[in-house]
Amino acid sequence: MLNILIADDSRAIVTLMCGYMSKHGECSIAMTGREAVQLFDSAMEYDDPFDVVLLDIMMPEMDGLTAAKLIRELETERGVEPGCGARLVMVSCLTDPKNMMQAAYDIGADIYLTKPLDEKDLVECLANLGLITRQGGDHE
């Protein structure tokens, strides 16, 4: 089972995404970018790192891009090689995301998704990241 962090300031979206993702692992929830970074740091500290982090770009206290950058910095500080850490999935409702997508990839995001998302989108995302099979089973 995957260890999944979902960060979004919309309780409805978090509930929906958790419903989709809970079939593939245990979900932790953050309502702000700052909370996401704190949960990520704690998980690493307790040697139970997240496999995948879904970050909304527009959140209070700290936006998703800043949170993603700090998450990558935490991994570097702990000796995690680039490409070997958590898979970062940036999520946004922006309809013209070209510049936002580039900014996300520049800080180490693996995938950029636009809302609204459905279960098929998220399962395909996990499969593209190599975290589950196309049929939805976890890789061991």
Foldseek 3Di string as FASTA:
>chain_A
DFEEEEEALDPVLVVQVCVLCVLAHDYDYHNALVVSLVVQLVCVVVVNHGQAYEAEQDGPPHGRLVSLLSSVVSCVVVPNDQPRHHAYEYEYQDPPCPVVVVSNVVSRHDYYYYDPDHSLNVLVVCVVSVQAPNVRHGDD
